[in-house]
Amino acid sequence: MPQLFPLSWMMITPIMLTIFLIILMTIYFLKMEMKMMMPKKETIKVYINFKW
């Protein structure tokens, strides 16, 4: 039984790493899209003023 645990861990770690990488990539792409949508800082200022 103790020999089975490390093997399962070896199987789980790559999956976890891949999921983490996918999440990072999605966040990066979202940030890039946000930059494309709002290229100037003025739009953010306007948004903050509108929010308040």
C-alpha atoms as a PDB file:
ATOM      1  CA  MET A   1       0.000   0.000   0.000  1.00  0.00           C
ATOM      2  CA  PRO A   2       2.684   2.593   0.807  1.00  0.00           C
ATOM      3  CA  GLN A   3       4.259   2.015  -2.615  1.00  0.00           C
ATOM      4  CA  LEU A   4       1.021   2.919  -4.362  1.00  0.00           C
ATOM      5  CA  PHE A   5       0.773   6.391  -2.856  1.00  0.00           C
ATOM      6  CA  PRO A   6       3.914   7.906  -4.486  1.00  0.00           C
ATOM      7  CA  LEU A   7       2.836   6.567  -7.861  1.00  0.00           C
ATOM      8  CA  SER A   8      -0.552   8.250  -7.592  1.00  0.00           C
ATOM      9  CA  TRP A   9       1.206  11.456  -6.497  1.00  0.00           C
ATOM     10  CA  MET A  10       3.437  11.238  -9.563  1.00  0.00           C
ATOM     11  CA  MET A  11       0.302  10.957 -11.683  1.00  0.00           C
ATOM     12  CA  ILE A  12      -1.492  13.851  -9.949  1.00  0.00           C
ATOM     13  CA  THR A  13       1.341  16.437  -9.958  1.00  0.00           C
ATOM     14  CA  PRO A  14       1.612  16.853 -13.781  1.00  0.00           C
ATOM     15  CA  ILE A  15      -2.158  17.272 -14.039  1.00  0.00           C
ATOM     16  CA  MET A  16      -2.065  19.946 -11.320  1.00  0.00           C
ATOM     17  CA  LEU A  17       0.802  21.716 -13.095  1.00  0.00           C
ATOM     18  CA  THR A  18      -1.029  21.694 -16.413  1.00  0.00           C
ATOM     19  CA  ILE A  19      -4.191  23.098 -14.790  1.00  0.00           C
ATOM     20  CA  PHE A  20      -2.107  25.816 -13.111  1.00  0.00           C
ATOM     21  CA  LEU A  21      -0.471  26.718 -16.438  1.00  0.00           C
ATOM     22  CA  ILE A  22      -3.846  26.873 -18.183  1.00  0.00           C
ATOM     23  CA  ILE A  23      -5.198  29.200 -15.463  1.00  0.00           C
ATOM     24  CA  LEU A  24      -2.119  31.435 -15.791  1.00  0.00           C
ATOM     25  CA  MET A  25      -2.500  31.594 -19.567  1.00  0.00           C
ATOM     26  CA  THR A  26      -6.188  32.488 -19.314  1.00  0.00           C
ATOM     27  CA  ILE A  27      -5.423  35.284 -16.826  1.00  0.00           C
ATOM     28  CA  TYR A  28      -2.649  36.598 -19.116  1.00  0.00           C
ATOM     29  CA  PHE A  29      -4.942  36.605 -22.163  1.00  0.00           C
ATOM     30  CA  LEU A  30      -7.689  38.343 -20.165  1.00  0.00           C
ATOM     31  CA  LYS A  31      -5.226  41.034 -19.091  1.00  0.00           C
ATOM     32  CA  MET A  32      -4.117  41.513 -22.700  1.00  0.00           C
ATOM     33  CA  GLU A  33      -7.739  41.817 -23.837  1.00  0.00           C
ATOM     34  CA  MET A  34      -8.417  44.363 -21.093  1.00  0.00           C
ATOM     35  CA  LYS A  35      -5.425  46.392 -22.314  1.00  0.00           C
ATOM     36  CA  MET A  36      -6.746  46.223 -25.866  1.00  0.00           C
ATOM     37  CA  MET A  37     -10.199  47.311 -24.725  1.00  0.00           C
ATOM     38  CA  MET A  38      -8.878  50.138 -22.538  1.00  0.00           C
ATOM     39  CA  PRO A  39      -5.605  51.392 -24.019  1.00  0.00           C
ATOM     40  CA  LYS A  40      -5.670  54.727 -22.150  1.00  0.00           C
ATOM     41  CA  LYS A  41      -5.696  55.413 -18.435  1.00  0.00           C
ATOM     42  CA  GLU A  42      -8.376  58.073 -18.938  1.00  0.00           C
ATOM     43  CA  THR A  43     -11.014  55.395 -19.531  1.00  0.00           C
ATOM     44  CA  ILE A  44     -10.146  53.814 -16.154  1.00  0.00           C
ATOM     45  CA  LYS A  45     -10.417  57.256 -14.468  1.00  0.00           C
ATOM     46  CA  VAL A  46     -13.797  57.780 -16.082  1.00  0.00           C
ATOM     47  CA  TYR A  47     -14.902  54.335 -14.918  1.00  0.00           C
ATOM     48  CA  ILE A  48     -13.813  55.107 -11.340  1.00  0.00           C
ATOM     49  CA  ASN A  49     -15.670  58.440 -11.430  1.00  0.00           C
ATOM     50  CA  PHE A  50     -18.757  56.698 -12.777  1.00  0.00           C
ATOM     51  CA  LYS A  51     -18.517  54.047 -10.069  1.00  0.00           C
ATOM     52  CA  TRP A  52     -18.357  56.649  -7.298  1.00  0.00           C
END
